[in-house]
Protein backbone atom coordinates (compact mmCIF):
# COMPACT_ATOMS: atom_id res chain seq x y z
CA MET A 1 0.04 -0.08 0.08
CA ASN A 2 2.78 2.29 0.91
CA ASN A 3 4.38 1.60 -2.48
CA TRP A 4 1.35 2.82 -4.22
CA LYS A 5 0.80 5.73 -2.28
CA ALA A 6 4.74 6.79 -3.10
CA ARG A 7 3.97 5.93 -6.79
CA PHE A 8 0.85 8.18 -6.75
CA LYS A 9 2.82 10.97 -4.93
CA ALA A 10 5.79 10.83 -7.61
CA SER A 11 3.59 10.75 -10.31
CA GLY A 12 1.55 13.80 -9.17
CA ILE A 13 4.67 15.84 -8.54
CA HIS A 14 5.94 14.94 -12.24
CA LEU A 15 2.52 15.93 -13.46
CA GLY A 16 2.87 19.33 -11.59
CA ILE A 17 6.27 19.81 -13.33
CA SER A 18 4.97 18.84 -16.52
CA LEU A 19 1.86 21.22 -16.50
CA ALA A 20 4.49 24.03 -15.75
CA VAL A 21 6.59 23.21 -18.51
CA ALA A 22 3.52 23.05 -20.73
CA ALA A 23 2.34 26.52 -19.53
CA LEU A 24 5.55 28.00 -20.44
CA ALA A 25 5.37 26.65 -23.93
CA ALA A 26 1.73 27.55 -24.18
CA MET A 27 2.92 31.27 -23.68
CA LEU A 28 5.51 30.78 -26.48
CA VAL A 29 2.85 29.30 -28.98
CA PHE A 30 -0.36 31.43 -28.17
CA TRP A 31 1.38 34.78 -27.15
CA VAL A 32 4.02 34.91 -29.68
CA TRP A 33 3.76 32.63 -32.31
CA TYR A 34 -0.01 32.24 -32.83
CA PRO A 35 -1.32 35.55 -31.29
CA TYR A 36 -5.12 35.98 -31.61
CA PRO A 37 -6.88 35.64 -33.98
CA TYR A 38 -4.42 33.28 -35.44
CA ARG A 39 -4.64 30.71 -32.91
CA GLU A 40 -8.22 30.12 -34.27
CA ILE A 41 -7.36 30.83 -38.02
CA SER A 42 -4.64 28.53 -38.21
CA GLY A 43 -5.13 25.52 -36.13
CA GLY A 44 -2.40 26.35 -33.51
CA ARG A 45 -4.51 25.63 -30.64
CA GLU A 46 -5.53 22.01 -31.67
CA LEU A 47 -1.90 21.15 -32.84
CA PHE A 48 -0.55 22.29 -29.58
CA LEU A 49 -3.01 20.74 -27.17
CA LEU A 50 -2.48 17.31 -29.28
CA VAL A 51 1.32 17.52 -28.53
CA VAL A 52 1.09 18.85 -24.99
CA THR A 53 -1.58 16.23 -23.97
CA VAL A 54 0.44 13.28 -24.97
CA ASP A 55 3.66 14.94 -23.66
CA VAL A 56 2.13 15.55 -20.28
CA ILE A 57 0.27 12.51 -19.74
CA LEU A 58 3.14 10.34 -20.88
CA GLY A 59 5.71 11.39 -18.56
CA PRO A 60 3.83 10.94 -15.34
CA LEU A 61 2.25 7.59 -16.22
CA ILE A 62 5.97 6.26 -17.03
CA THR A 63 6.71 7.51 -13.54
CA PHE A 64 3.92 5.84 -12.05
CA SER A 65 4.66 2.80 -13.65
CA ILE A 66 8.52 2.46 -12.86
CA PHE A 67 8.54 3.84 -9.44
CA SER A 68 9.37 1.77 -6.66
CA LYS A 69 10.41 2.64 -2.97
CA GLY A 70 12.49 -0.22 -3.09
CA LYS A 71 14.79 1.08 -5.81
CA SER A 72 18.32 3.05 -4.86
CA LEU A 73 18.33 6.86 -5.12
CA LYS A 74 20.87 6.38 -7.89
CA ALA A 75 18.48 4.16 -9.97
CA LEU A 76 15.66 6.69 -9.26
CA GLN A 77 17.56 9.52 -10.60
CA PHE A 78 18.55 7.80 -13.67
CA ASP A 79 14.98 6.53 -14.34
CA PHE A 80 14.13 10.34 -14.03
CA VAL A 81 16.70 11.75 -16.23
CA VAL A 82 15.89 9.26 -18.96
CA ILE A 83 12.19 10.12 -18.70
CA GLY A 84 12.81 13.98 -18.34
CA LEU A 85 14.82 13.46 -21.66
CA VAL A 86 12.20 11.68 -23.55
CA GLN A 87 9.47 13.96 -22.29
CA LEU A 88 11.63 17.07 -23.46
CA ALA A 89 12.68 15.69 -26.73
CA ALA A 90 9.02 14.65 -27.46
CA LEU A 91 8.05 18.39 -26.39
CA ALA A 92 10.76 19.82 -28.57
CA TYR A 93 9.62 17.91 -31.53
CA GLY A 94 6.10 19.14 -30.97
CA LEU A 95 6.99 22.68 -30.82
CA TRP A 96 9.20 22.39 -33.80
CA THR A 97 6.27 21.03 -35.60
CA VAL A 98 3.95 23.97 -34.39
CA ALA A 99 6.69 26.40 -35.39
CA GLN A 100 6.79 25.16 -38.84
CA ALA A 101 3.11 25.64 -39.24
CA ARG A 102 2.97 29.08 -37.56
CA PRO A 103 1.52 31.99 -39.55
CA VAL A 104 4.41 34.20 -40.77
CA HIS A 105 2.36 37.05 -42.78
CA LEU A 106 -0.91 38.46 -43.25
CA GLY A 107 -0.75 39.21 -46.99
CA PHE A 108 -2.91 41.61 -49.29
CA GLU A 109 -3.86 39.79 -52.52
CA PHE A 110 -5.61 42.35 -54.64
CA ASP A 111 -9.10 42.01 -53.23
CA ARG A 112 -8.66 40.02 -50.01
CA PHE A 113 -6.15 38.90 -47.24
CA ARG A 114 -4.42 35.70 -46.78
CA VAL A 115 -2.91 34.28 -43.83
CA VAL A 116 0.53 32.78 -44.90
CA HIS A 117 2.30 30.12 -42.99
CA ALA A 118 5.91 29.25 -42.44
CA ILE A 119 5.51 25.74 -44.08
CA GLU A 120 3.94 27.36 -47.30
CA VAL A 121 6.77 29.41 -48.29
CA ASP A 122 9.45 28.26 -50.51
CA GLN A 123 12.40 29.65 -48.70
CA GLU A 124 14.82 29.06 -51.48
CA LYS A 125 12.90 32.05 -52.96
CA LEU A 126 13.36 34.19 -49.92
CA PRO A 127 16.49 36.16 -51.13
CA LEU A 128 14.26 37.35 -54.27
CA ALA A 129 11.97 39.09 -51.77
CA PRO A 130 12.53 42.77 -50.89
CA PRO A 131 15.46 43.07 -48.51
CA GLU A 132 13.18 43.63 -45.20
CA LEU A 133 11.11 40.51 -46.02
CA ARG A 134 14.00 38.00 -46.61
CA SER A 135 13.44 36.31 -43.12
CA LEU A 136 10.35 34.86 -41.68
CA PRO A 137 9.31 36.43 -38.58
CA TRP A 138 9.12 34.38 -35.00
CA THR A 139 7.12 37.22 -33.29
CA GLY A 140 3.80 36.80 -34.92
CA PRO A 141 2.75 37.58 -38.38
CA THR A 142 3.66 40.77 -40.16
CA LEU A 143 1.81 42.67 -42.90
CA LEU A 144 2.93 42.60 -46.30
CA ALA A 145 1.12 42.87 -50.09
CA VAL A 146 1.35 41.03 -53.30
CA ARG A 147 2.88 43.40 -56.00
CA PRO A 148 1.15 44.18 -59.35
CA PHE A 149 2.39 41.55 -62.06
CA ARG A 150 5.28 42.74 -63.95
CA ASN A 151 3.83 41.05 -67.53
CA PRO A 152 1.29 38.72 -68.60
CA GLU A 153 3.66 35.62 -68.67
CA GLU A 154 4.31 36.36 -65.22
CA GLN A 155 0.58 36.59 -64.24
CA TYR A 156 -0.15 33.42 -66.00
CA THR A 157 2.53 31.30 -64.39
CA THR A 158 1.94 32.49 -60.93
CA THR A 159 -1.93 32.43 -61.22
CA MET A 160 -1.58 28.72 -62.66
CA ALA A 161 0.87 27.77 -59.65
CA ALA A 162 -2.00 29.48 -57.38
CA LEU A 163 -4.53 27.05 -58.68
CA SER A 164 -2.18 24.26 -57.90
CA GLY A 165 -2.03 25.35 -54.24
CA PHE A 166 0.83 27.58 -54.22
CA THR A 167 -0.68 30.83 -53.27
CA LEU A 168 0.15 34.65 -54.48
CA ALA A 169 0.75 35.64 -50.88
CA ALA A 170 3.15 32.83 -50.29
CA ASN A 171 5.37 33.41 -53.25
CA PRO A 172 8.41 35.60 -51.96
CA THR A 173 9.05 36.95 -55.45
CA LEU A 174 5.75 38.54 -55.61
CA TRP A 175 6.03 40.24 -52.02
CA GLN A 176 6.24 43.89 -51.37
CA PRO A 177 6.08 46.20 -48.21
CA TYR A 178 2.58 46.65 -47.13
CA ASP A 179 2.81 50.41 -47.05
CA GLN A 180 3.63 50.32 -50.62
CA ALA A 181 0.13 49.14 -51.34
CA GLN A 182 -1.79 51.09 -49.01
CA ALA A 183 -3.68 52.86 -51.96
CA GLU A 184 -4.65 49.49 -53.32
CA VAL A 185 -5.93 48.19 -49.98
CA ILE A 186 -8.02 51.28 -49.44
CA LYS A 187 -9.61 51.23 -52.86
CA ALA A 188 -10.31 47.32 -52.62
CA ALA A 189 -11.94 47.87 -49.37
CA LYS A 190 -15.72 48.06 -48.28
CA PRO A 191 -17.54 50.03 -45.92
CA VAL A 192 -18.71 48.05 -42.60
CA ASN A 193 -22.11 49.48 -42.77
CA GLU A 194 -22.39 47.40 -46.01
CA LEU A 195 -21.47 44.32 -44.33
CA LYS A 196 -23.84 44.77 -41.70
CA ARG A 197 -26.59 45.10 -44.44
CA ARG A 198 -25.52 41.78 -45.73
CA PHE A 199 -25.04 39.90 -42.49
CA GLY A 200 -28.02 41.75 -40.41
CA ALA A 201 -27.72 38.62 -37.77
CA GLN A 202 -24.29 39.32 -37.00
CA ALA A 203 -24.37 43.21 -36.86
CA ALA A 204 -24.47 43.79 -33.22
CA GLN A 205 -21.65 41.26 -33.12
CA ILE A 206 -19.50 43.54 -35.54
CA ASP A 207 -20.52 46.52 -33.50
CA ALA A 208 -19.26 45.00 -30.36
CA VAL A 209 -16.10 43.88 -31.96
CA LEU A 210 -15.40 47.67 -33.68
CA GLN A 211 -16.40 49.23 -30.15
CA SER A 212 -13.79 47.13 -28.39
CA ALA A 213 -11.13 48.50 -30.71
CA GLY A 214 -12.34 51.81 -30.46
CA ARG A 215 -13.58 52.26 -33.78
CA ASP A 216 -16.98 53.76 -35.43
CA PRO A 217 -18.38 51.10 -38.02
CA ALA A 218 -19.14 54.61 -40.08
CA THR A 219 -15.61 54.98 -40.37
CA THR A 220 -13.98 51.38 -40.72
CA SER A 221 -13.60 49.43 -43.80
CA TYR A 222 -13.28 45.53 -44.45
CA LEU A 223 -12.20 42.72 -46.38
CA PRO A 224 -12.24 39.06 -46.68
CA MET A 225 -9.55 36.93 -45.13
CA VAL A 226 -8.37 33.50 -46.01
CA GLY A 227 -7.15 31.31 -43.41
CA ARG A 228 -5.87 27.76 -43.17
CA LYS A 229 -9.00 26.54 -41.53
CA SER A 230 -11.84 29.01 -42.42
CA PHE A 231 -12.59 32.46 -43.68
CA TRP A 232 -12.82 35.61 -41.65
CA THR A 233 -13.22 39.44 -42.14
CA VAL A 234 -10.54 41.97 -41.07
CA PHE A 235 -11.27 45.53 -40.45
CA ILE A 236 -9.23 48.30 -41.68
CA ASP A 237 -8.76 52.06 -41.18
CA PRO A 238 -9.96 53.31 -44.67
CA LYS A 239 -7.55 56.19 -44.47
CA THR A 240 -4.33 54.19 -43.44
CA ALA A 241 -5.08 50.89 -44.61
CA GLN A 242 -3.96 49.52 -41.20
CA VAL A 243 -5.70 46.64 -39.75
CA VAL A 244 -7.66 47.33 -36.66
CA GLY A 245 -9.58 44.04 -36.10
CA PHE A 246 -10.85 40.78 -37.16
CA PHE A 247 -14.17 38.89 -37.07
CA PRO A 248 -15.16 35.36 -37.79
CA LEU A 249 -17.29 35.72 -40.68
CA ASP A 250 -17.03 34.70 -44.53
CA SER A 251 -17.50 38.15 -46.15
CA PHE A 252 -16.78 36.96 -49.74
């Protein structure tokens, strides 16, 4: 009986440590790599929870299985070191997987925004992007825009590639700084009041989102946004083209 109590105690301590490490990892993922709303749009929450749940459960279960008061201190120390290394390796692999899928840019594509994820970018083409866009950010997505096509051949080639799954916003050779597309963004955006007329059932929610952002619907514009899992709506300032909010609504 005493051995069972010792096993539960050791497993409980291990669980507490595992949860603390998972909490630190969650802060990295959800505050840095997948800030709102990308944890919803890009599937970061589900992927992270799957990885961490397995990792948090695995370690304490192994501890419960192998712990014995009859073992020497040296043997127990060896066991815990091995378990800890296995757990850390599993967590590191999981975080690496989450990092590879992280959103890196919110790209303007002529009449919409598209979330670009690290795994979608052909990194061999990054040297062909503007100098300030040649590295993928690690502190959350940044804004960029797709530049105008240089000629009909480029338009045909890149459009065909986009139809095959290689989206325009994920092609570094087409990137330009977001501020250079300010006029195009403002021209493409539509008034939020028009959105409220189209989706009357969500009008109150739209007002609430904009109110929390300190925005007046009458002086705010919107564009649809394409994510990995769903379509959302981006609210922008009609004078500066800066993003001021997001709403989970397919506004195409």
